[in-house]
Amino acid sequence: MGERAGVIAAITGVLALVVSLLAWLLPQSGDRSSAVPEQYLGTWRGQVTMTFPDPTREGKGAGTDEITIRQGSIGDTVADQRAVDWGQEAGCSRSWQLAEVNGDHLVLKAGTTGAPANAPSGQTCLADLTMSVRLTGQARMEIQANYNILGTVTGAFSGSLVRQGRT
């Protein structure tokens, strides 16, 4: 009887291992994916407003940015943001890495950051940013990002962009 129980335990263990391996190998269902959904791909352009705690300024800046989103997986650089027209203001350009794909939005982390356009010498663009990208129609999307310094939100930018073309 003891030998039979040992065989049953061994078979149960092997079956549990096979089920675990199949669960790991088979595609997972749900709202999350590891790739950029096709409806986000392309070039988007629109008005972006920055808010920042700078006592020497009015605390806001606005300009036009262009964002190009391409296919990629979690951790890949999937987007480039370019300051197009900020007038006398300083607009930043940067790349973005895909951090998360949810059913209704993407989460991007700032990657490489360039020097701000039209900025005084020595001014830099903050690099510790997380941006949420949410579609609001077939050809519109909303962006919202927060600047963090030492884990504290110190400013933000947001905007409404319109699709310019697909990549």
C-alpha atoms as a PDB file:
ATOM      1  CA  MET A   1       0.000   0.000   0.000  1.00  0.00           C
ATOM      2  CA  GLY A   2       2.884   2.414   0.804  1.00  0.00           C
ATOM      3  CA  GLU A   3       4.489   1.764  -2.588  1.00  0.00           C
ATOM      4  CA  ARG A   4       1.189   2.498  -4.358  1.00  0.00           C
ATOM      5  CA  ALA A   5       0.821   5.827  -2.491  1.00  0.00           C
ATOM      6  CA  GLY A   6       4.349   6.763  -3.529  1.00  0.00           C
ATOM      7  CA  VAL A   7       3.591   6.041  -7.209  1.00  0.00           C
ATOM      8  CA  ILE A   8       0.352   8.091  -7.015  1.00  0.00           C
ATOM      9  CA  ALA A   9       2.227  10.992  -5.402  1.00  0.00           C
ATOM     10  CA  ALA A  10       4.906  10.841  -8.120  1.00  0.00           C
ATOM     11  CA  ILE A  11       2.300  10.812 -10.914  1.00  0.00           C
ATOM     12  CA  THR A  12       0.448  13.719  -9.270  1.00  0.00           C
ATOM     13  CA  GLY A  13       3.701  15.681  -9.055  1.00  0.00           C
ATOM     14  CA  VAL A  14       4.520  15.053 -12.731  1.00  0.00           C
ATOM     15  CA  LEU A  15       0.992  16.075 -13.789  1.00  0.00           C
ATOM     16  CA  ALA A  16       1.260  19.294 -11.741  1.00  0.00           C
ATOM     17  CA  LEU A  17       4.577  20.048 -13.437  1.00  0.00           C
ATOM     18  CA  VAL A  18       3.109  19.443 -16.918  1.00  0.00           C
ATOM     19  CA  VAL A  19       0.088  21.675 -16.161  1.00  0.00           C
ATOM     20  CA  SER A  20       2.404  24.433 -14.853  1.00  0.00           C
ATOM     21  CA  LEU A  21       4.584  24.253 -17.963  1.00  0.00           C
ATOM     22  CA  LEU A  22       1.555  24.395 -20.275  1.00  0.00           C
ATOM     23  CA  ALA A  23       0.141  27.388 -18.393  1.00  0.00           C
ATOM     24  CA  TRP A  24       3.476  29.167 -18.763  1.00  0.00           C
ATOM     25  CA  LEU A  25       3.875  28.320 -22.482  1.00  0.00           C
ATOM     26  CA  LEU A  26       0.318  28.992 -23.688  1.00  0.00           C
ATOM     27  CA  PRO A  27      -0.744  32.570 -24.527  1.00  0.00           C
ATOM     28  CA  GLN A  28      -2.396  34.400 -21.670  1.00  0.00           C
ATOM     29  CA  SER A  29      -5.787  36.032 -22.058  1.00  0.00           C
ATOM     30  CA  GLY A  30      -6.855  39.313 -20.471  1.00  0.00           C
ATOM     31  CA  ASP A  31      -6.560  43.015 -21.124  1.00  0.00           C
ATOM     32  CA  ARG A  32      -2.780  43.177 -20.816  1.00  0.00           C
ATOM     33  CA  SER A  33      -0.370  42.587 -23.632  1.00  0.00           C
ATOM     34  CA  SER A  34       3.335  43.070 -24.085  1.00  0.00           C
ATOM     35  CA  ALA A  35       3.145  44.904 -27.406  1.00  0.00           C
ATOM     36  CA  VAL A  36       1.842  48.296 -28.537  1.00  0.00           C
ATOM     37  CA  PRO A  37      -1.694  47.905 -29.958  1.00  0.00           C
ATOM     38  CA  GLU A  38      -1.927  48.887 -33.628  1.00  0.00           C
ATOM     39  CA  GLN A  39      -4.376  51.759 -33.050  1.00  0.00           C
ATOM     40  CA  TYR A  40      -1.614  53.711 -31.213  1.00  0.00           C
ATOM     41  CA  LEU A  41       0.926  53.423 -34.032  1.00  0.00           C
ATOM     42  CA  GLY A  42       1.736  56.501 -36.078  1.00  0.00           C
ATOM     43  CA  THR A  43       2.614  60.154 -35.726  1.00  0.00           C
ATOM     44  CA  TRP A  44       0.522  62.402 -33.491  1.00  0.00           C
ATOM     45  CA  ARG A  45       0.694  66.199 -33.115  1.00  0.00           C
ATOM     46  CA  GLY A  46      -0.976  68.685 -30.836  1.00  0.00           C
ATOM     47  CA  GLN A  47      -0.935  71.319 -28.131  1.00  0.00           C
ATOM     48  CA  VAL A  48       0.893  70.399 -24.926  1.00  0.00           C
ATOM     49  CA  THR A  49       0.715  72.386 -21.698  1.00  0.00           C
ATOM     50  CA  MET A  50       3.412  72.176 -19.024  1.00  0.00           C
ATOM     51  CA  THR A  51       2.984  73.128 -15.387  1.00  0.00           C
ATOM     52  CA  PHE A  52       6.010  73.518 -13.174  1.00  0.00           C
ATOM     53  CA  PRO A  53       6.881  75.094  -9.835  1.00  0.00           C
ATOM     54  CA  ASP A  54       9.231  77.781 -11.115  1.00  0.00           C
ATOM     55  CA  PRO A  55       8.838  81.017  -9.121  1.00  0.00           C
ATOM     56  CA  THR A  56      10.541  83.068 -11.844  1.00  0.00           C
ATOM     57  CA  ARG A  57       7.875  82.121 -14.422  1.00  0.00           C
ATOM     58  CA  GLU A  58       4.113  81.974 -14.540  1.00  0.00           C
ATOM     59  CA  GLY A  59       4.154  78.238 -13.806  1.00  0.00           C
ATOM     60  CA  LYS A  60       2.874  77.237 -17.239  1.00  0.00           C
ATOM     61  CA  GLY A  61       4.179  76.824 -20.736  1.00  0.00           C
ATOM     62  CA  ALA A  62       2.486  75.657 -23.924  1.00  0.00           C
ATOM     63  CA  GLY A  63       3.582  74.554 -27.333  1.00  0.00           C
ATOM     64  CA  THR A  64       3.191  71.997 -30.060  1.00  0.00           C
ATOM     65  CA  ASP A  65       4.722  68.541 -29.792  1.00  0.00           C
ATOM     66  CA  GLU A  66       4.873  65.621 -32.183  1.00  0.00           C
ATOM     67  CA  ILE A  67       4.999  62.028 -30.938  1.00  0.00           C
ATOM     68  CA  THR A  68       5.739  59.052 -33.156  1.00  0.00           C
ATOM     69  CA  ILE A  69       4.764  55.666 -31.734  1.00  0.00           C
ATOM     70  CA  ARG A  70       6.043  52.440 -33.262  1.00  0.00           C
ATOM     71  CA  GLN A  71       5.715  48.757 -32.483  1.00  0.00           C
ATOM     72  CA  GLY A  72       7.676  47.252 -29.621  1.00  0.00           C
ATOM     73  CA  SER A  73       7.437  45.228 -26.431  1.00  0.00           C
ATOM     74  CA  ILE A  74       7.761  46.060 -22.735  1.00  0.00           C
ATOM     75  CA  GLY A  75      11.168  47.709 -22.167  1.00  0.00           C
ATOM     76  CA  ASP A  76      11.646  48.708 -25.828  1.00  0.00           C
ATOM     77  CA  THR A  77      11.948  52.306 -26.982  1.00  0.00           C
ATOM     78  CA  VAL A  78       8.615  52.713 -28.796  1.00  0.00           C
ATOM     79  CA  ALA A  79       8.099  56.477 -29.039  1.00  0.00           C
ATOM     80  CA  ASP A  80       9.909  59.700 -29.831  1.00  0.00           C
ATOM     81  CA  GLN A  81       8.548  63.061 -28.691  1.00  0.00           C
ATOM     82  CA  ARG A  82       9.737  66.196 -30.452  1.00  0.00           C
ATOM     83  CA  ALA A  83       9.130  69.812 -29.465  1.00  0.00           C
ATOM     84  CA  VAL A  84       7.880  71.346 -32.724  1.00  0.00           C
ATOM     85  CA  ASP A  85       6.834  74.904 -31.879  1.00  0.00           C
ATOM     86  CA  TRP A  86       7.185  76.366 -28.411  1.00  0.00           C
ATOM     87  CA  GLY A  87       7.755  79.984 -29.458  1.00  0.00           C
ATOM     88  CA  GLN A  88       9.929  81.629 -26.814  1.00  0.00           C
ATOM     89  CA  GLU A  89       9.295  78.742 -24.390  1.00  0.00           C
ATOM     90  CA  ALA A  90      11.643  75.798 -23.942  1.00  0.00           C
ATOM     91  CA  GLY A  91      10.209  72.522 -25.265  1.00  0.00           C
ATOM     92  CA  CYS A  92      11.856  69.157 -24.603  1.00  0.00           C
ATOM     93  CA  SER A  93      12.361  66.238 -26.940  1.00  0.00           C
ATOM     94  CA  ARG A  94      12.795  62.684 -25.635  1.00  0.00           C
ATOM     95  CA  SER A  95      12.392  59.017 -26.368  1.00  0.00           C
ATOM     96  CA  TRP A  96       9.966  56.790 -24.451  1.00  0.00           C
ATOM     97  CA  GLN A  97      10.131  53.160 -23.384  1.00  0.00           C
ATOM     98  CA  LEU A  98       7.048  50.972 -23.102  1.00  0.00           C
ATOM     99  CA  ALA A  99       6.439  50.201 -19.420  1.00  0.00           C
ATOM    100  CA  GLU A 100       2.909  48.807 -19.487  1.00  0.00           C
ATOM    101  CA  VAL A 101       0.039  48.048 -21.871  1.00  0.00           C
ATOM    102  CA  ASN A 102      -3.457  48.206 -20.377  1.00  0.00           C
ATOM    103  CA  GLY A 103      -6.848  47.797 -22.006  1.00  0.00           C
ATOM    104  CA  ASP A 104      -7.433  51.553 -22.188  1.00  0.00           C
ATOM    105  CA  HIS A 105      -3.963  53.164 -22.119  1.00  0.00           C
ATOM    106  CA  LEU A 106      -0.206  52.781 -22.470  1.00  0.00           C
ATOM    107  CA  VAL A 107       2.306  53.686 -19.776  1.00  0.00           C
ATOM    108  CA  LEU A 108       5.622  55.016 -21.078  1.00  0.00           C
ATOM    109  CA  LYS A 109       8.823  55.857 -19.169  1.00  0.00           C
ATOM    110  CA  ALA A 110      11.112  58.620 -20.390  1.00  0.00           C
ATOM    111  CA  GLY A 111      14.286  57.375 -22.016  1.00  0.00           C
ATOM    112  CA  THR A 112      16.889  59.567 -23.699  1.00  0.00           C
ATOM    113  CA  THR A 113      16.193  63.278 -23.187  1.00  0.00           C
ATOM    114  CA  GLY A 114      17.601  66.022 -25.409  1.00  0.00           C
ATOM    115  CA  ALA A 115      18.406  69.609 -24.485  1.00  0.00           C
ATOM    116  CA  PRO A 116      15.366  71.885 -24.567  1.00  0.00           C
ATOM    117  CA  ALA A 117      14.741  73.914 -27.706  1.00  0.00           C
ATOM    118  CA  ASN A 118      15.106  77.694 -27.180  1.00  0.00           C
ATOM    119  CA  ALA A 119      16.367  77.174 -23.618  1.00  0.00           C
ATOM    120  CA  PRO A 120      18.951  79.315 -21.867  1.00  0.00           C
ATOM    121  CA  SER A 121      22.388  77.725 -21.634  1.00  0.00           C
ATOM    122  CA  GLY A 122      22.603  75.078 -18.942  1.00  0.00           C
ATOM    123  CA  GLN A 123      18.856  74.380 -18.752  1.00  0.00           C
ATOM    124  CA  THR A 124      18.035  70.694 -19.046  1.00  0.00           C
ATOM    125  CA  CYS A 125      14.942  68.598 -19.561  1.00  0.00           C
ATOM    126  CA  LEU A 126      13.876  66.451 -16.639  1.00  0.00           C
ATOM    127  CA  ALA A 127      14.269  62.755 -17.358  1.00  0.00           C
ATOM    128  CA  ASP A 128      12.278  61.098 -14.556  1.00  0.00           C
ATOM    129  CA  LEU A 129       8.889  61.029 -16.263  1.00  0.00           C
ATOM    130  CA  THR A 130       6.039  58.589 -16.626  1.00  0.00           C
ATOM    131  CA  MET A 131       3.477  59.288 -19.350  1.00  0.00           C
ATOM    132  CA  SER A 132       0.013  57.827 -19.812  1.00  0.00           C
ATOM    133  CA  VAL A 133      -1.269  57.696 -23.406  1.00  0.00           C
ATOM    134  CA  ARG A 134      -5.012  57.160 -23.874  1.00  0.00           C
ATOM    135  CA  LEU A 135      -6.957  57.062 -27.142  1.00  0.00           C
ATOM    136  CA  THR A 136     -10.050  59.271 -27.169  1.00  0.00           C
ATOM    137  CA  GLY A 137     -11.168  58.421 -30.698  1.00  0.00           C
ATOM    138  CA  GLN A 138      -9.824  56.894 -33.890  1.00  0.00           C
ATOM    139  CA  ALA A 139      -7.598  59.881 -34.581  1.00  0.00           C
ATOM    140  CA  ARG A 140      -7.185  61.501 -31.147  1.00  0.00           C
ATOM    141  CA  MET A 141      -5.235  60.738 -28.023  1.00  0.00           C
ATOM    142  CA  GLU A 142      -4.650  62.358 -24.647  1.00  0.00           C
ATOM    143  CA  ILE A 143      -1.280  62.374 -22.926  1.00  0.00           C
ATOM    144  CA  GLN A 144      -0.525  63.060 -19.279  1.00  0.00           C
ATOM    145  CA  ALA A 145       2.924  62.989 -17.695  1.00  0.00           C
ATOM    146  CA  ASN A 146       4.315  63.841 -14.277  1.00  0.00           C
ATOM    147  CA  TYR A 147       7.813  65.087 -13.477  1.00  0.00           C
ATOM    148  CA  ASN A 148       9.337  63.449 -10.416  1.00  0.00           C
ATOM    149  CA  ILE A 149      12.300  64.656  -8.413  1.00  0.00           C
ATOM    150  CA  LEU A 150      13.380  62.287  -5.654  1.00  0.00           C
ATOM    151  CA  GLY A 151       9.998  60.561  -5.839  1.00  0.00           C
ATOM    152  CA  THR A 152       7.971  63.772  -5.521  1.00  0.00           C
ATOM    153  CA  VAL A 153       5.741  65.053  -8.339  1.00  0.00           C
ATOM    154  CA  THR A 154       7.086  68.502  -9.171  1.00  0.00           C
ATOM    155  CA  GLY A 155       5.288  69.319 -12.402  1.00  0.00           C
ATOM    156  CA  ALA A 156       3.376  67.845 -15.297  1.00  0.00           C
ATOM    157  CA  PHE A 157       2.479  68.132 -18.932  1.00  0.00           C
ATOM    158  CA  SER A 158      -0.659  67.142 -20.749  1.00  0.00           C
ATOM    159  CA  GLY A 159      -2.091  67.490 -24.187  1.00  0.00           C
ATOM    160  CA  SER A 160      -4.540  66.444 -26.831  1.00  0.00           C
ATOM    161  CA  LEU A 161      -2.938  65.148 -30.006  1.00  0.00           C
ATOM    162  CA  VAL A 162      -4.332  64.331 -33.447  1.00  0.00           C
ATOM    163  CA  ARG A 163      -3.076  61.549 -35.706  1.00  0.00           C
ATOM    164  CA  GLN A 164      -0.925  62.869 -38.567  1.00  0.00           C
ATOM    165  CA  GLY A 165      -0.208  59.527 -40.199  1.00  0.00           C
ATOM    166  CA  ARG A 166       0.485  55.854 -39.580  1.00  0.00           C
ATOM    167  CA  THR A 167       3.969  54.368 -39.432  1.00  0.00           C
END
